[in-house]
Amino acid sequence: MPAYCEDSIMKRGDILEIIYQSKKSEFYKRQVRVILVGETYVKAYCYSRKTVRIFSKDGILAQRRIRSA
């Protein structure tokens, strides 16, 4: 399944809902607050895990903005 990570809607402070596929092929739906958008990853606070996480852009299958910064 191809990744779908649109940088244009990922800005620092935005709250997004993402569908993410882990390296173990597990699927997750997460609400995150974007901290940093790198070339191959997104660093974000994950509200489910209550901690900062690193998400590979290749693993982001869908995203939608919930709130702008």
PDB file of N, CA and C in Angstrom:
ATOM      1  N   MET A   1       0.856  -1.174   0.000  1.00  0.00           N
ATOM      2  CA  MET A   1       0.000   0.000   0.000  1.00  0.00           C
ATOM      3  C   MET A   1       0.905   1.241   0.000  1.00  0.00           C
ATOM      4  N   PRO A   2       0.724   2.181  -0.931  1.00  0.00           N
ATOM      5  CA  PRO A   2       1.590   3.349  -0.989  1.00  0.00           C
ATOM      6  C   PRO A   2       1.310   4.327   0.147  1.00  0.00           C
ATOM      7  N   ALA A   3       2.361   5.008   0.560  1.00  0.00           N
ATOM      8  CA  ALA A   3       2.217   6.010   1.614  1.00  0.00           C
ATOM      9  C   ALA A   3       1.567   7.265   1.049  1.00  0.00           C
ATOM     10  N   TYR A   4       0.902   8.013   1.939  1.00  0.00           N
ATOM     11  CA  TYR A   4       0.254   9.260   1.544  1.00  0.00           C
ATOM     12  C   TYR A   4       0.557  10.289   2.616  1.00  0.00           C
ATOM     13  N   CYS A   5       1.625  11.015   2.412  1.00  0.00           N
ATOM     14  CA  CYS A   5       2.034  12.013   3.388  1.00  0.00           C
ATOM     15  C   CYS A   5       2.178  13.345   2.663  1.00  0.00           C
ATOM     16  N   GLU A   6       1.246  14.236   2.895  1.00  0.00           N
ATOM     17  CA  GLU A   6       1.215  15.520   2.208  1.00  0.00           C
ATOM     18  C   GLU A   6       1.814  16.597   3.107  1.00  0.00           C
ATOM     19  N   ASP A   7       3.062  16.979   2.796  1.00  0.00           N
ATOM     20  CA  ASP A   7       3.771  17.971   3.613  1.00  0.00           C
ATOM     21  C   ASP A   7       3.045  19.299   3.699  1.00  0.00           C
ATOM     22  N   SER A   8       2.292  19.647   2.678  1.00  0.00           N
ATOM     23  CA  SER A   8       1.665  20.966   2.636  1.00  0.00           C
ATOM     24  C   SER A   8       0.643  21.166   3.753  1.00  0.00           C
ATOM     25  N   ILE A   9       0.104  20.077   4.327  1.00  0.00           N
ATOM     26  CA  ILE A   9      -0.836  20.265   5.429  1.00  0.00           C
ATOM     27  C   ILE A   9      -0.197  19.961   6.780  1.00  0.00           C
ATOM     28  N   MET A  10       1.097  19.708   6.788  1.00  0.00           N
ATOM     29  CA  MET A  10       1.794  19.427   8.038  1.00  0.00           C
ATOM     30  C   MET A  10       2.635  20.625   8.433  1.00  0.00           C
ATOM     31  N   LYS A  11       2.131  21.368   9.408  1.00  0.00           N
ATOM     32  CA  LYS A  11       2.880  22.519   9.911  1.00  0.00           C
ATOM     33  C   LYS A  11       3.004  22.393  11.418  1.00  0.00           C
ATOM     34  N   ARG A  12       4.091  22.916  11.946  1.00  0.00           N
ATOM     35  CA  ARG A  12       4.348  22.848  13.383  1.00  0.00           C
ATOM     36  C   ARG A  12       3.144  23.389  14.164  1.00  0.00           C
ATOM     37  N   GLY A  13       2.704  22.615  15.129  1.00  0.00           N
ATOM     38  CA  GLY A  13       1.582  23.009  15.967  1.00  0.00           C
ATOM     39  C   GLY A  13       0.234  22.521  15.485  1.00  0.00           C
ATOM     40  N   ASP A  14       0.142  22.091  14.227  1.00  0.00           N
ATOM     41  CA  ASP A  14      -1.121  21.552  13.713  1.00  0.00           C
ATOM     42  C   ASP A  14      -1.470  20.255  14.425  1.00  0.00           C
ATOM     43  N   ILE A  15      -2.754  20.033  14.620  1.00  0.00           N
ATOM     44  CA  ILE A  15      -3.224  18.759  15.149  1.00  0.00           C
ATOM     45  C   ILE A  15      -3.837  17.990  13.987  1.00  0.00           C
ATOM     46  N   LEU A  16      -3.317  16.785  13.778  1.00  0.00           N
ATOM     47  CA  LEU A  16      -3.732  15.950  12.659  1.00  0.00           C
ATOM     48  C   LEU A  16      -4.257  14.619  13.164  1.00  0.00           C
ATOM     49  N   GLU A  17      -5.112  14.027  12.360  1.00  0.00           N
ATOM     50  CA  GLU A  17      -5.481  12.633  12.551  1.00  0.00           C
ATOM     51  C   GLU A  17      -4.785  11.873  11.439  1.00  0.00           C
ATOM     52  N   ILE A  18      -4.036  10.844  11.797  1.00  0.00           N
ATOM     53  CA  ILE A  18      -3.316  10.073  10.784  1.00  0.00           C
ATOM     54  C   ILE A  18      -3.688   8.595  10.897  1.00  0.00           C
ATOM     55  N   ILE A  19      -3.622   7.928   9.765  1.00  0.00           N
ATOM     56  CA  ILE A  19      -3.678   6.468   9.707  1.00  0.00           C
ATOM     57  C   ILE A  19      -2.252   6.057   9.388  1.00  0.00           C
ATOM     58  N   TYR A  20      -1.689   5.236  10.259  1.00  0.00           N
ATOM     59  CA  TYR A  20      -0.275   4.918  10.185  1.00  0.00           C
ATOM     60  C   TYR A  20      -0.065   3.410  10.166  1.00  0.00           C
ATOM     61  N   GLN A  21       0.853   2.963   9.301  1.00  0.00           N
ATOM     62  CA  GLN A  21       1.227   1.552   9.262  1.00  0.00           C
ATOM     63  C   GLN A  21       2.636   1.425   9.818  1.00  0.00           C
ATOM     64  N   SER A  22       2.783   0.637  10.881  1.00  0.00           N
ATOM     65  CA  SER A  22       4.088   0.458  11.504  1.00  0.00           C
ATOM     66  C   SER A  22       4.975  -0.445  10.642  1.00  0.00           C
ATOM     67  N   LYS A  23       6.244  -0.524  11.012  1.00  0.00           N
ATOM     68  CA  LYS A  23       7.171  -1.402  10.297  1.00  0.00           C
ATOM     69  C   LYS A  23       6.778  -2.869  10.449  1.00  0.00           C
ATOM     70  N   LYS A  24       5.986  -3.176  11.476  1.00  0.00           N
ATOM     71  CA  LYS A  24       5.489  -4.541  11.692  1.00  0.00           C
ATOM     72  C   LYS A  24       4.156  -4.775  10.985  1.00  0.00           C
ATOM     73  N   SER A  25       3.763  -3.834  10.116  1.00  0.00           N
ATOM     74  CA  SER A  25       2.517  -3.889   9.341  1.00  0.00           C
ATOM     75  C   SER A  25       1.265  -3.830  10.204  1.00  0.00           C
ATOM     76  N   GLU A  26       1.358  -3.180  11.356  1.00  0.00           N
ATOM     77  CA  GLU A  26       0.186  -2.939  12.194  1.00  0.00           C
ATOM     78  C   GLU A  26      -0.356  -1.558  11.856  1.00  0.00           C
ATOM     79  N   PHE A  27      -1.679  -1.415  11.878  1.00  0.00           N
ATOM     80  CA  PHE A  27      -2.315  -0.161  11.512  1.00  0.00           C
ATOM     81  C   PHE A  27      -2.818   0.557  12.754  1.00  0.00           C
ATOM     82  N   TYR A  28      -2.627   1.875  12.766  1.00  0.00           N
ATOM     83  CA  TYR A  28      -3.037   2.700  13.898  1.00  0.00           C
ATOM     84  C   TYR A  28      -3.702   3.978  13.400  1.00  0.00           C
ATOM     85  N   LYS A  29      -4.678   4.429  14.154  1.00  0.00           N
ATOM     86  CA  LYS A  29      -5.287   5.743  13.922  1.00  0.00           C
ATOM     87  C   LYS A  29      -4.874   6.594  15.114  1.00  0.00           C
ATOM     88  N   ARG A  30      -4.218   7.713  14.842  1.00  0.00           N
ATOM     89  CA  ARG A  30      -3.678   8.546  15.907  1.00  0.00           C
ATOM     90  C   ARG A  30      -4.033  10.010  15.701  1.00  0.00           C
ATOM     91  N   GLN A  31      -4.209  10.716  16.803  1.00  0.00           N
ATOM     92  CA  GLN A  31      -4.271  12.175  16.769  1.00  0.00           C
ATOM     93  C   GLN A  31      -2.936  12.665  17.288  1.00  0.00           C
ATOM     94  N   VAL A  32      -2.299  13.534  16.510  1.00  0.00           N
ATOM     95  CA  VAL A  32      -0.964  14.011  16.853  1.00  0.00           C
ATOM     96  C   VAL A  32      -0.878  15.521  16.695  1.00  0.00           C
ATOM     97  N   ARG A  33       0.040  16.139  17.456  1.00  0.00           N
ATOM     98  CA  ARG A  33       0.369  17.555  17.294  1.00  0.00           C
ATOM     99  C   ARG A  33       1.769  17.620  16.713  1.00  0.00           C
ATOM    100  N   VAL A  34       1.905  18.192  15.533  1.00  0.00           N
ATOM    101  CA  VAL A  34       3.172  18.220  14.803  1.00  0.00           C
ATOM    102  C   VAL A  34       4.181  19.117  15.524  1.00  0.00           C
ATOM    103  N   ILE A  35       5.378  18.574  15.716  1.00  0.00           N
ATOM    104  CA  ILE A  35       6.482  19.319  16.313  1.00  0.00           C
ATOM    105  C   ILE A  35       7.495  19.697  15.246  1.00  0.00           C
ATOM    106  N   LEU A  36       7.847  18.730  14.391  1.00  0.00           N
ATOM    107  CA  LEU A  36       8.873  18.944  13.369  1.00  0.00           C
ATOM    108  C   LEU A  36       8.572  18.056  12.170  1.00  0.00           C
ATOM    109  N   VAL A  37       8.702  18.611  10.984  1.00  0.00           N
ATOM    110  CA  VAL A  37       8.545  17.831   9.756  1.00  0.00           C
ATOM    111  C   VAL A  37       9.915  17.728   9.102  1.00  0.00           C
ATOM    112  N   GLY A  38      10.471  16.521   9.089  1.00  0.00           N
ATOM    113  CA  GLY A  38      11.758  16.277   8.445  1.00  0.00           C
ATOM    114  C   GLY A  38      11.555  15.775   7.033  1.00  0.00           C
ATOM    115  N   GLU A  39      12.660  15.421   6.406  1.00  0.00           N
ATOM    116  CA  GLU A  39      12.584  14.940   5.022  1.00  0.00           C
ATOM    117  C   GLU A  39      11.889  13.581   4.929  1.00  0.00           C
ATOM    118  N   THR A  40      12.153  12.705   5.902  1.00  0.00           N
ATOM    119  CA  THR A  40      11.606  11.348   5.846  1.00  0.00           C
ATOM    120  C   THR A  40      10.743  10.987   7.056  1.00  0.00           C
ATOM    121  N   TYR A  41      10.573  11.923   7.977  1.00  0.00           N
ATOM    122  CA  TYR A  41       9.850  11.614   9.206  1.00  0.00           C
ATOM    123  C   TYR A  41       9.063  12.817   9.715  1.00  0.00           C
ATOM    124  N   VAL A  42       8.155  12.543  10.629  1.00  0.00           N
ATOM    125  CA  VAL A  42       7.399  13.586  11.320  1.00  0.00           C
ATOM    126  C   VAL A  42       7.554  13.327  12.821  1.00  0.00           C
ATOM    127  N   LYS A  43       8.024  14.329  13.530  1.00  0.00           N
ATOM    128  CA  LYS A  43       8.104  14.247  14.983  1.00  0.00           C
ATOM    129  C   LYS A  43       6.859  14.921  15.522  1.00  0.00           C
ATOM    130  N   ALA A  44       6.108  14.205  16.373  1.00  0.00           N
ATOM    131  CA  ALA A  44       4.822  14.722  16.830  1.00  0.00           C
ATOM    132  C   ALA A  44       4.490  14.187  18.214  1.00  0.00           C
ATOM    133  N   TYR A  45       3.701  14.972  18.945  1.00  0.00           N
ATOM    134  CA  TYR A  45       3.165  14.500  20.214  1.00  0.00           C
ATOM    135  C   TYR A  45       1.937  13.649  19.901  1.00  0.00           C
ATOM    136  N   CYS A  46       1.952  12.412  20.371  1.00  0.00           N
ATOM    137  CA  CYS A  46       0.845  11.486  20.137  1.00  0.00           C
ATOM    138  C   CYS A  46      -0.074  11.519  21.355  1.00  0.00           C
ATOM    139  N   TYR A  47      -1.330  11.897  21.141  1.00  0.00           N
ATOM    140  CA  TYR A  47      -2.287  11.994  22.240  1.00  0.00           C
ATOM    141  C   TYR A  47      -2.680  10.613  22.781  1.00  0.00           C
ATOM    142  N   SER A  48      -2.603   9.571  21.975  1.00  0.00           N
ATOM    143  CA  SER A  48      -2.928   8.214  22.443  1.00  0.00           C
ATOM    144  C   SER A  48      -1.858   7.689  23.399  1.00  0.00           C
ATOM    145  N   ARG A  49      -0.615   7.865  23.015  1.00  0.00           N
ATOM    146  CA  ARG A  49       0.511   7.370  23.815  1.00  0.00           C
ATOM    147  C   ARG A  49       0.966   8.367  24.881  1.00  0.00           C
ATOM    148  N   LYS A  50       0.516   9.628  24.740  1.00  0.00           N
ATOM    149  CA  LYS A  50       0.881  10.701  25.662  1.00  0.00           C
ATOM    150  C   LYS A  50       2.396  10.907  25.746  1.00  0.00           C
ATOM    151  N   THR A  51       3.022  10.879  24.579  1.00  0.00           N
ATOM    152  CA  THR A  51       4.459  11.093  24.483  1.00  0.00           C
ATOM    153  C   THR A  51       4.817  11.522  23.063  1.00  0.00           C
ATOM    154  N   VAL A  52       6.026  12.023  22.906  1.00  0.00           N
ATOM    155  CA  VAL A  52       6.507  12.415  21.577  1.00  0.00           C
ATOM    156  C   VAL A  52       6.923  11.163  20.823  1.00  0.00           C
ATOM    157  N   ARG A  53       6.517  11.091  19.577  1.00  0.00           N
ATOM    158  CA  ARG A  53       6.816   9.936  18.721  1.00  0.00           C
ATOM    159  C   ARG A  53       7.414  10.407  17.404  1.00  0.00           C
ATOM    160  N   ILE A  54       8.142   9.518  16.753  1.00  0.00           N
ATOM    161  CA  ILE A  54       8.680   9.755  15.415  1.00  0.00           C
ATOM    162  C   ILE A  54       7.917   8.843  14.458  1.00  0.00           C
ATOM    163  N   PHE A  55       7.271   9.437  13.447  1.00  0.00           N
ATOM    164  CA  PHE A  55       6.514   8.683  12.453  1.00  0.00           C
ATOM    165  C   PHE A  55       7.234   8.779  11.112  1.00  0.00           C
ATOM    166  N   SER A  56       7.522   7.642  10.513  1.00  0.00           N
ATOM    167  CA  SER A  56       8.103   7.618   9.176  1.00  0.00           C
ATOM    168  C   SER A  56       7.055   8.109   8.187  1.00  0.00           C
ATOM    169  N   LYS A  57       7.449   8.993   7.298  1.00  0.00           N
ATOM    170  CA  LYS A  57       6.496   9.466   6.287  1.00  0.00           C
ATOM    171  C   LYS A  57       5.997   8.323   5.412  1.00  0.00           C
ATOM    172  N   ASP A  58       6.841   7.316   5.205  1.00  0.00           N
ATOM    173  CA  ASP A  58       6.437   6.161   4.396  1.00  0.00           C
ATOM    174  C   ASP A  58       5.286   5.398   5.031  1.00  0.00           C
ATOM    175  N   GLY A  59       5.141   5.497   6.354  1.00  0.00           N
ATOM    176  CA  GLY A  59       4.091   4.772   7.052  1.00  0.00           C
ATOM    177  C   GLY A  59       2.773   5.509   7.168  1.00  0.00           C
ATOM    178  N   ILE A  60       2.756   6.799   6.822  1.00  0.00           N
ATOM    179  CA  ILE A  60       1.522   7.586   6.921  1.00  0.00           C
ATOM    180  C   ILE A  60       0.683   7.336   5.676  1.00  0.00           C
ATOM    181  N   LEU A  61      -0.446   6.652   5.871  1.00  0.00           N
ATOM    182  CA  LEU A  61      -1.291   6.252   4.742  1.00  0.00           C
ATOM    183  C   LEU A  61      -2.393   7.264   4.458  1.00  0.00           C
ATOM    184  N   ALA A  62      -2.820   7.999   5.486  1.00  0.00           N
ATOM    185  CA  ALA A  62      -3.865   9.017   5.315  1.00  0.00           C
ATOM    186  C   ALA A  62      -3.698  10.043   6.430  1.00  0.00           C
ATOM    187  N   GLN A  63      -4.145  11.251   6.150  1.00  0.00           N
ATOM    188  CA  GLN A  63      -4.065  12.311   7.155  1.00  0.00           C
ATOM    189  C   GLN A  63      -5.137  13.353   6.893  1.00  0.00           C
ATOM    190  N   ARG A  64      -5.561  13.989   7.987  1.00  0.00           N
ATOM    191  CA  ARG A  64      -6.467  15.129   7.843  1.00  0.00           C
ATOM    192  C   ARG A  64      -6.197  16.093   8.996  1.00  0.00           C
ATOM    193  N   ARG A  65      -6.307  17.345   8.696  1.00  0.00           N
ATOM    194  CA  ARG A  65      -6.069  18.370   9.711  1.00  0.00           C
ATOM    195  C   ARG A  65      -7.309  18.502  10.570  1.00  0.00           C
ATOM    196  N   ILE A  66      -7.124  18.469  11.869  1.00  0.00           N
ATOM    197  CA  ILE A  66      -8.213  18.687  12.820  1.00  0.00           C
ATOM    198  C   ILE A  66      -8.230  20.146  13.257  1.00  0.00           C
ATOM    199  N   ARG A  67      -7.020  20.695  13.492  1.00  0.00           N
ATOM    200  CA  ARG A  67      -6.915  22.100  13.916  1.00  0.00           C
ATOM    201  C   ARG A  67      -5.594  22.680  13.459  1.00  0.00           C
ATOM    202  N   SER A  68      -5.627  23.895  12.946  1.00  0.00           N
ATOM    203  CA  SER A  68      -4.407  24.586  12.530  1.00  0.00           C
ATOM    204  C   SER A  68      -3.740  25.251  13.717  1.00  0.00           C
ATOM    205  N   ALA A  69      -2.444  25.416  13.594  1.00  0.00           N
ATOM    206  CA  ALA A  69      -1.664  26.087  14.647  1.00  0.00           C
ATOM    207  C   ALA A  69      -2.007  27.559  14.714  1.00  0.00           C
TER     208      ALA A  69
END
